Amino acid sequence: MNHQIAKLYQIGNKENRLIIGLMSGTSLDGLDIALCDISGSGFTTSLKIRDFVTMDYEDEFRINIRKIFAQKQINQQDLCGINAYIGIVHAQLINKALKNWGIPNSEVDLIASHGQTVYHAPQILTKDYSLPNSTLQIGDGDHIAVHTGIITLSDFRQKHIAAGGEGAPLAAYGDYLLFTDAIENRILLNIGGISNFTFLPNSNSTLQAFATDLGPGNTIMNQFMHKHYQEEMDRDSKIAIQGNVNNTLLKALMEDDFLTLPFPKTTGPELFNLSYLEQKQHKSNTNNLSNQDIMATLNAFSANAIVNGIKKVTEGLDNIAVYVSGGGLHNPLLMENIQKDLPAIKITSIAEIGIDPDAKEACLFALLANETIVGNPDNVSNIKDSPAVCMGKISLPL
């Protein structure tokens, strides 16, 4: 038997597994690396974060990704090379993090790599029904495995699509297993480039859990900041807070078919981007707004999309709590706008239920890897409109 296959078998039979979860989002701020101690599977899963860090990306990395990110036409040589490049860079960042933590690579059982999304193309977004739902995350798993010496699971979203899903969001699987409560009806809101939530009815409810995208989170704001201020984000809402919401532009921004589709649904920066903003400004004759007013309006746009989704799913329910993670949690004006329109609902950081909000997505991919090695698709069979599958391709080191 191949010694790496034998090692994988041994890992599956351990009581506890040390798994690194990786997450690289559309904001391109850095690579989230979560070192997770995981035992059990399904509803017996226990996950503890041993270490967590966000390793900042160099400007060169961001420049390379932006060559191919969310564009219909790209240089295929760039795509081919950057796929390997991301794998190598991520491996280097993992090695650096482990060295800083004083943990030998040999102690880590698995790496779970989300990869870098460069295009998300469900039929609901493309309207091209001659091709199936598709999505592309790059950062080759073999490069990570070879350069770290650690068995790597990657490319999780492909199995979801192959089994009839849209490839996103995948958070429902981990959220459902870790955070379902006996009393609270929970919404686990993640505000990344795109905003999404997992709806977790209490364990005594007849309702089903599901995850759905809502619309823009930080993506258009970040793109606007990069173009006009050469900043990666509107840190502390410093630009948006100086402006005023333009209701004419806001109304135009809210007029898109995606925002009225039933749950669950998925989207990406392929729809919500600077071109979307420019089209809506042209349509609403609001091309002469100040940068501050545009940012205030974009902030309100993201908040409205989130609030509308929460209102829709919680109608008629009590004991509701919203737990927030992702970069948007650190945008004070965005959080204020959300709370203002949901005054009767508890909205707080997911840290309140025991997980670092910045580490959550990386941890959930570590959990997905754990389910693939020791779990069972039946563990997630009660998630609405989402295939019950174990996900991730396995790459072996040398």
Protein backbone atom coordinates (compact mmCIF):
# COMPACT_ATOMS: atom_id res chain seq x y z
CA MET A 1 0.00 0.00 0.00
CA ASN A 2 1.19 3.52 -0.76
CA HIS A 3 2.59 4.85 2.52
CA GLN A 4 0.56 8.06 2.19
CA ILE A 5 -2.66 6.06 1.77
CA ALA A 6 -1.71 4.08 4.87
CA LYS A 7 -1.11 7.35 6.72
CA LEU A 8 -4.51 8.65 5.63
CA TYR A 9 -6.11 5.47 7.00
CA GLN A 10 -4.33 5.99 10.31
CA ILE A 11 -5.51 9.60 10.45
CA GLY A 12 -9.09 8.45 9.96
CA ASN A 13 -8.78 6.14 12.95
CA LYS A 14 -7.33 8.72 15.36
CA GLU A 15 -9.44 10.09 18.20
CA ASN A 16 -8.31 13.64 17.44
CA ARG A 17 -7.05 15.19 14.25
CA LEU A 18 -4.99 18.36 13.88
CA ILE A 19 -6.29 20.04 10.72
CA ILE A 20 -5.32 23.36 9.16
CA GLY A 21 -8.20 25.21 7.52
CA LEU A 22 -7.38 27.84 4.89
CA MET A 23 -9.60 30.62 3.60
CA SER A 24 -8.75 33.27 1.02
CA GLY A 25 -11.61 35.60 0.24
CA THR A 26 -12.41 38.06 -2.50
CA SER A 27 -11.09 40.97 -0.43
CA LEU A 28 -7.54 39.64 -1.03
CA ASP A 29 -6.34 40.95 2.33
CA GLY A 30 -4.57 37.74 3.27
CA LEU A 31 -4.74 34.02 3.93
CA ASP A 32 -6.64 32.92 7.03
CA ILE A 33 -4.88 29.94 8.62
CA ALA A 34 -6.72 28.16 11.42
CA LEU A 35 -5.08 25.24 13.23
CA CYS A 36 -7.98 23.19 14.54
CA ASP A 37 -8.08 20.27 16.96
CA ILE A 38 -11.06 18.19 15.83
CA SER A 39 -12.57 15.03 17.26
CA GLY A 40 -15.66 13.05 16.32
CA SER A 41 -17.82 13.70 13.28
CA GLY A 42 -21.39 14.76 12.53
CA PHE A 43 -23.21 16.08 15.61
CA THR A 44 -20.49 14.62 17.87
CA THR A 45 -17.89 16.92 16.30
CA SER A 46 -15.79 18.95 18.69
CA LEU A 47 -13.65 21.74 17.20
CA LYS A 48 -11.16 23.83 19.12
CA ILE A 49 -8.94 26.49 17.57
CA ARG A 50 -5.36 25.91 18.69
CA ASP A 51 -3.89 28.81 16.69
CA PHE A 52 -5.09 31.32 14.14
CA VAL A 53 -3.44 33.97 11.99
CA THR A 54 -4.16 35.99 8.88
CA MET A 55 -1.00 36.11 6.79
CA ASP A 56 -1.01 39.30 4.75
CA TYR A 57 -0.61 39.06 1.00
CA GLU A 58 2.10 40.97 -0.80
CA ASP A 59 0.99 43.54 -3.38
CA GLU A 60 2.43 41.31 -6.12
CA PHE A 61 0.04 38.54 -5.11
CA ARG A 62 -2.98 40.85 -5.30
CA ILE A 63 -1.88 42.17 -8.70
CA ASN A 64 -1.60 38.63 -10.06
CA ILE A 65 -5.05 37.60 -8.79
CA ARG A 66 -6.71 40.73 -10.17
CA LYS A 67 -5.44 39.80 -13.64
CA ILE A 68 -7.90 36.91 -13.71
CA PHE A 69 -10.46 37.61 -10.97
CA ALA A 70 -14.17 37.67 -11.95
CA GLN A 71 -13.47 38.49 -15.62
CA LYS A 72 -15.04 36.77 -18.62
CA GLN A 73 -11.95 37.19 -20.79
CA ILE A 74 -8.46 36.53 -19.43
CA ASN A 75 -5.03 35.36 -20.56
CA GLN A 76 -5.08 31.57 -20.18
CA GLN A 77 -1.33 31.46 -19.57
CA ASP A 78 -1.92 33.72 -16.56
CA LEU A 79 -4.66 31.42 -15.25
CA CYS A 80 -2.49 28.34 -15.68
CA GLY A 81 0.54 29.84 -13.99
CA ILE A 82 -1.34 31.56 -11.17
CA ASN A 83 -3.04 28.28 -10.23
CA ALA A 84 0.37 26.84 -9.34
CA TYR A 85 1.63 30.16 -7.96
CA ILE A 86 -1.17 30.39 -5.39
CA GLY A 87 -0.53 26.84 -4.24
CA ILE A 88 3.15 27.60 -3.72
CA VAL A 89 2.50 30.92 -1.94
CA HIS A 90 -0.11 29.35 0.35
CA ALA A 91 2.29 26.53 1.20
CA GLN A 92 4.98 29.06 2.08
CA LEU A 93 2.57 30.95 4.34
CA ILE A 94 1.52 27.71 6.07
CA ASN A 95 5.14 26.76 6.67
CA LYS A 96 5.85 30.22 8.08
CA ALA A 97 2.83 30.10 10.39
CA LEU A 98 3.74 26.65 11.72
CA LYS A 99 7.32 27.77 12.35
CA ASN A 100 6.07 30.85 14.22
CA TRP A 101 3.81 28.62 16.34
CA GLY A 102 6.63 26.17 17.02
CA ILE A 103 4.69 23.25 15.54
CA PRO A 104 6.47 20.76 13.25
CA ASN A 105 4.70 20.11 9.95
CA SER A 106 4.76 16.40 10.79
CA GLU A 107 2.31 16.98 13.66
CA VAL A 108 -0.39 18.30 11.32
CA ASP A 109 -2.70 15.60 9.95
CA LEU A 110 -4.46 17.47 7.12
CA ILE A 111 -4.74 20.77 5.32
CA ALA A 112 -8.16 21.90 4.08
CA SER A 113 -7.71 24.54 1.38
CA HIS A 114 -10.63 26.55 0.04
CA GLY A 115 -8.47 28.07 -2.69
CA GLN A 116 -8.89 31.44 -4.37
CA THR A 117 -12.18 31.94 -6.17
CA VAL A 118 -11.57 33.48 -9.59
CA TYR A 119 -14.98 32.87 -11.16
CA HIS A 120 -18.37 31.74 -9.92
CA ALA A 121 -20.87 30.86 -12.64
CA PRO A 122 -24.12 29.26 -11.52
CA GLN A 123 -26.81 29.24 -14.20
CA ILE A 124 -28.89 31.58 -12.04
CA LEU A 125 -26.20 34.20 -12.62
CA THR A 126 -24.99 33.45 -16.15
CA LYS A 127 -28.43 32.68 -17.68
CA ASP A 128 -26.52 30.31 -19.96
CA TYR A 129 -28.34 26.99 -19.70
CA SER A 130 -26.16 25.31 -22.32
CA LEU A 131 -23.48 24.93 -19.63
CA PRO A 132 -23.92 23.51 -16.12
CA ASN A 133 -23.48 25.34 -12.84
CA SER A 134 -19.77 25.94 -12.36
CA THR A 135 -17.24 27.63 -10.14
CA LEU A 136 -13.45 27.86 -10.14
CA GLN A 137 -11.17 28.04 -7.13
CA ILE A 138 -7.46 27.88 -7.88
CA GLY A 139 -4.35 27.21 -5.82
CA ASP A 140 -3.39 23.67 -6.70
CA GLY A 141 -3.64 21.19 -3.82
CA ASP A 142 -0.72 19.08 -5.04
CA HIS A 143 1.59 22.06 -4.75
CA ILE A 144 0.43 22.68 -1.18
CA ALA A 145 0.86 19.00 -0.25
CA VAL A 146 4.31 18.69 -1.79
CA HIS A 147 5.66 21.97 -0.38
CA THR A 148 4.33 21.35 3.15
CA GLY A 149 4.58 17.57 3.33
CA ILE A 150 0.97 17.46 4.60
CA ILE A 151 -1.97 15.61 3.02
CA THR A 152 -4.19 18.30 1.51
CA LEU A 153 -7.90 18.40 0.69
CA SER A 154 -8.96 21.11 -1.74
CA ASP A 155 -11.49 22.08 -4.42
CA PHE A 156 -14.45 21.43 -2.10
CA ARG A 157 -17.07 23.17 -4.20
CA GLN A 158 -16.87 20.84 -7.21
CA LYS A 159 -18.53 17.88 -5.45
CA HIS A 160 -21.38 20.16 -4.35
CA ILE A 161 -21.99 21.14 -7.97
CA ALA A 162 -21.55 17.61 -9.30
CA ALA A 163 -24.23 16.45 -6.86
CA GLY A 164 -26.72 19.08 -8.04
CA GLY A 165 -25.84 22.18 -5.99
CA GLU A 166 -24.48 25.56 -7.05
CA GLY A 167 -21.15 25.31 -5.25
CA ALA A 168 -22.02 27.93 -2.64
CA PRO A 169 -22.45 28.71 0.10
CA LEU A 170 -20.93 25.73 1.86
CA ALA A 171 -21.05 27.17 5.38
CA ALA A 172 -24.33 25.38 6.10
CA TYR A 173 -22.58 22.03 6.57
CA GLY A 174 -20.31 23.11 9.41
CA ASP A 175 -22.74 25.61 10.88
CA TYR A 176 -25.47 22.96 11.10
CA LEU A 177 -23.24 20.45 12.87
CA LEU A 178 -21.59 22.88 15.30
CA PHE A 179 -24.10 25.58 16.13
CA THR A 180 -27.68 24.25 16.02
CA ASP A 181 -29.31 25.21 19.34
CA ALA A 182 -32.19 23.69 21.28
CA ILE A 183 -33.91 27.04 21.90
CA GLU A 184 -32.63 29.81 19.63
CA ASN A 185 -33.49 30.18 15.98
CA ARG A 186 -30.06 31.25 14.79
CA ILE A 187 -28.84 33.14 11.76
CA LEU A 188 -25.09 32.88 11.23
CA LEU A 189 -24.39 35.92 9.07
CA ASN A 190 -21.08 36.08 7.25
CA ILE A 191 -20.21 39.40 5.63
CA GLY A 192 -17.34 38.80 3.25
CA GLY A 193 -17.14 40.08 -0.31
CA ILE A 194 -20.63 38.65 -0.70
CA SER A 195 -23.00 38.50 2.27
CA ASN A 196 -24.54 35.16 3.15
CA PHE A 197 -26.17 33.46 6.08
CA THR A 198 -26.96 30.04 7.42
CA PHE A 199 -30.45 29.73 8.91
CA LEU A 200 -30.44 27.30 11.83
CA PRO A 201 -33.91 26.63 13.24
CA ASN A 202 -33.85 25.30 16.79
CA SER A 203 -33.47 21.54 17.07
CA ASN A 204 -37.14 21.08 17.95
CA SER A 205 -38.39 22.95 14.87
CA THR A 206 -39.97 21.35 11.81
CA LEU A 207 -38.14 23.89 9.63
CA GLN A 208 -34.98 22.93 7.75
CA ALA A 209 -31.59 24.56 7.94
CA PHE A 210 -30.20 26.16 4.79
CA ALA A 211 -27.53 28.56 3.61
CA THR A 212 -27.94 31.30 1.04
CA ASP A 213 -26.16 34.26 -0.44
CA LEU A 214 -27.93 37.58 0.09
CA GLY A 215 -26.12 40.04 -2.15
CA PRO A 216 -23.16 42.37 -1.79
CA GLY A 217 -21.18 42.47 1.41
CA ASN A 218 -17.87 44.30 1.12
CA THR A 219 -17.13 43.63 -2.53
CA ILE A 220 -18.27 46.84 -4.24
CA MET A 221 -17.10 49.01 -1.37
CA ASN A 222 -13.66 47.41 -1.46
CA GLN A 223 -13.40 47.78 -5.24
CA PHE A 224 -14.42 51.43 -5.01
CA MET A 225 -11.87 52.08 -2.28
CA HIS A 226 -9.13 50.40 -4.28
CA LYS A 227 -9.92 52.42 -7.40
CA HIS A 228 -10.32 55.84 -5.78
CA TYR A 229 -8.14 55.66 -2.65
CA GLN A 230 -5.70 52.82 -3.37
CA GLU A 231 -6.95 51.22 -0.15
CA GLU A 232 -8.12 47.62 0.24
CA MET A 233 -11.17 48.58 2.31
CA ASP A 234 -13.01 51.44 4.01
CA ARG A 235 -11.33 50.83 7.36
CA ASP A 236 -13.53 51.89 10.28
CA SER A 237 -16.05 53.28 7.73
CA LYS A 238 -13.93 56.43 7.60
CA ILE A 239 -15.08 57.41 4.08
CA ALA A 240 -18.70 56.23 4.23
CA ILE A 241 -19.32 57.95 7.54
CA GLN A 242 -18.47 61.32 5.95
CA GLY A 243 -21.17 60.93 3.29
CA ASN A 244 -24.95 60.86 3.01
CA VAL A 245 -27.03 58.08 1.51
CA ASN A 246 -28.43 59.02 -1.89
CA ASN A 247 -31.87 57.39 -1.94
CA THR A 248 -32.20 57.66 -5.72
CA LEU A 249 -29.03 55.64 -6.27
CA LEU A 250 -29.93 53.26 -3.44
CA LYS A 251 -33.28 52.51 -5.05
CA ALA A 252 -31.55 51.78 -8.36
CA LEU A 253 -28.98 49.52 -6.68
CA MET A 254 -31.77 47.50 -5.08
CA GLU A 255 -33.43 46.88 -8.45
CA ASP A 256 -31.94 43.58 -9.52
CA ASP A 257 -33.69 40.26 -10.08
CA PHE A 258 -31.25 38.39 -7.86
CA LEU A 259 -32.36 40.32 -4.79
CA THR A 260 -35.94 39.08 -5.17
CA LEU A 261 -35.20 35.41 -5.91
CA PRO A 262 -36.30 32.82 -3.31
CA PHE A 263 -33.79 31.22 -0.94
CA PRO A 264 -31.40 29.49 -1.25
CA LYS A 265 -29.47 31.26 -4.01
CA THR A 266 -25.90 32.14 -4.86
CA THR A 267 -24.08 35.02 -6.51
CA GLY A 268 -20.65 36.65 -6.63
CA PRO A 269 -18.55 39.65 -7.65
CA GLU A 270 -19.30 38.66 -11.24
CA LEU A 271 -22.63 40.49 -10.66
CA PHE A 272 -21.99 42.91 -7.80
CA ASN A 273 -18.99 44.97 -8.87
CA LEU A 274 -17.98 48.45 -10.03
CA SER A 275 -19.66 47.90 -13.41
CA TYR A 276 -22.92 47.24 -11.56
CA LEU A 277 -22.49 50.52 -9.67
CA GLU A 278 -21.70 52.46 -12.83
CA GLN A 279 -24.75 51.05 -14.63
CA LYS A 280 -27.00 52.00 -11.76
CA GLN A 281 -25.52 55.50 -11.52
CA HIS A 282 -26.12 56.01 -15.21
CA LYS A 283 -29.68 54.73 -14.96
CA SER A 284 -30.49 56.92 -11.94
CA ASN A 285 -28.63 60.00 -13.21
CA THR A 286 -26.41 60.09 -10.12
CA ASN A 287 -23.00 60.29 -11.78
CA ASN A 288 -21.98 63.48 -9.98
CA LEU A 289 -22.10 62.22 -6.40
CA SER A 290 -19.10 62.65 -4.12
CA ASN A 291 -17.02 59.61 -3.27
CA GLN A 292 -18.22 59.91 0.32
CA ASP A 293 -21.88 59.84 -0.69
CA ILE A 294 -21.29 56.86 -2.98
CA MET A 295 -19.60 54.94 -0.18
CA ALA A 296 -22.40 55.79 2.27
CA THR A 297 -24.91 54.56 -0.30
CA LEU A 298 -22.98 51.36 -1.03
CA ASN A 299 -22.83 50.72 2.70
CA ALA A 300 -26.61 51.13 2.93
CA PHE A 301 -27.06 48.88 -0.12
CA SER A 302 -25.21 46.01 1.56
CA ALA A 303 -27.12 46.57 4.79
CA ASN A 304 -30.48 46.59 3.00
CA ALA A 305 -29.77 43.33 1.17
CA ILE A 306 -28.82 41.71 4.48
CA VAL A 307 -31.75 43.13 6.44
CA ASN A 308 -34.30 42.12 3.80
CA GLY A 309 -32.99 38.56 3.86
CA ILE A 310 -33.13 38.32 7.65
CA LYS A 311 -36.66 39.73 7.76
CA LYS A 312 -37.78 37.26 5.12
CA VAL A 313 -36.54 34.16 6.92
CA THR A 314 -37.51 35.19 10.46
CA GLU A 315 -41.10 36.24 9.83
CA GLY A 316 -43.32 34.64 12.49
CA LEU A 317 -40.40 33.32 14.57
CA ASP A 318 -39.30 34.23 18.07
CA ASN A 319 -36.09 33.57 20.02
CA ILE A 320 -34.04 34.89 17.09
CA ALA A 321 -30.34 35.65 17.31
CA VAL A 322 -27.98 36.80 14.56
CA TYR A 323 -24.30 35.95 14.99
CA VAL A 324 -21.92 37.79 12.67
CA SER A 325 -18.53 36.87 11.22
CA GLY A 326 -16.39 38.06 8.31
CA GLY A 327 -14.76 41.37 7.48
CA GLY A 328 -18.05 43.27 7.53
CA LEU A 329 -18.23 42.77 11.30
CA HIS A 330 -15.40 45.32 11.53
CA ASN A 331 -17.30 47.94 9.49
CA PRO A 332 -19.04 49.96 12.23
CA LEU A 333 -21.40 51.85 9.92
CA LEU A 334 -22.52 48.65 8.21
CA MET A 335 -23.25 46.99 11.56
CA GLU A 336 -25.08 50.12 12.74
CA ASN A 337 -27.22 50.17 9.59
CA ILE A 338 -28.14 46.50 10.03
CA GLN A 339 -29.05 46.84 13.71
CA LYS A 340 -31.02 50.04 13.09
CA ASP A 341 -33.40 48.22 10.75
CA LEU A 342 -33.70 45.15 13.01
CA PRO A 343 -34.18 46.76 16.43
CA ALA A 344 -35.94 43.77 18.02
CA ILE A 345 -33.33 41.18 17.02
CA LYS A 346 -30.15 40.39 18.91
CA ILE A 347 -27.18 40.97 16.59
CA THR A 348 -23.72 40.22 17.89
CA SER A 349 -20.35 38.70 17.03
CA ILE A 350 -20.21 34.93 16.65
CA ALA A 351 -17.52 35.08 19.33
CA GLU A 352 -20.44 34.94 21.78
CA ILE A 353 -21.02 31.28 20.88
CA GLY A 354 -17.41 30.29 21.07
CA ILE A 355 -15.58 30.88 17.80
CA ASP A 356 -13.29 33.63 16.54
CA PRO A 357 -15.32 35.51 13.88
CA ASP A 358 -12.25 36.04 11.71
CA ALA A 359 -11.31 32.35 11.88
CA LYS A 360 -14.79 30.89 11.35
CA GLU A 361 -14.67 30.26 7.59
CA ALA A 362 -11.22 28.67 7.73
CA CYS A 363 -12.39 26.46 10.61
CA LEU A 364 -15.45 25.34 8.64
CA PHE A 365 -13.25 24.06 5.83
CA ALA A 366 -11.20 22.13 8.38
CA LEU A 367 -14.48 20.58 9.52
CA LEU A 368 -15.42 19.71 5.92
CA ALA A 369 -12.10 17.90 5.54
CA ASN A 370 -12.76 16.04 8.78
CA GLU A 371 -16.18 14.94 7.49
CA THR A 372 -14.63 13.70 4.24
CA ILE A 373 -12.10 11.53 6.08
CA VAL A 374 -14.18 10.23 9.01
CA GLY A 375 -17.75 11.45 8.48
CA ASN A 376 -20.82 10.40 6.56
CA PRO A 377 -23.03 12.29 4.08
CA ASP A 378 -26.04 11.34 6.21
CA ASN A 379 -24.75 13.77 8.85
CA VAL A 380 -25.93 16.68 6.67
CA SER A 381 -28.95 15.12 5.02
CA ASN A 382 -31.41 17.55 6.62
CA ILE A 383 -30.09 20.73 5.01
CA LYS A 384 -32.66 22.18 2.62
CA ASP A 385 -31.90 22.12 -1.12
CA SER A 386 -28.27 21.18 -0.59
CA PRO A 387 -26.78 17.80 -1.54
CA ALA A 388 -25.70 15.51 1.31
CA VAL A 389 -22.09 14.92 0.27
CA CYS A 390 -18.56 14.81 1.62
CA MET A 391 -16.35 17.20 -0.32
CA GLY A 392 -12.75 17.81 -1.30
CA LYS A 393 -10.11 16.25 -3.53
CA ILE A 394 -7.20 14.56 -1.76
CA SER A 395 -3.62 15.46 -2.69
CA LEU A 396 -0.77 13.38 -1.28
CA PRO A 397 2.75 14.64 -0.54
CA LEU A 398 5.78 12.92 -2.03
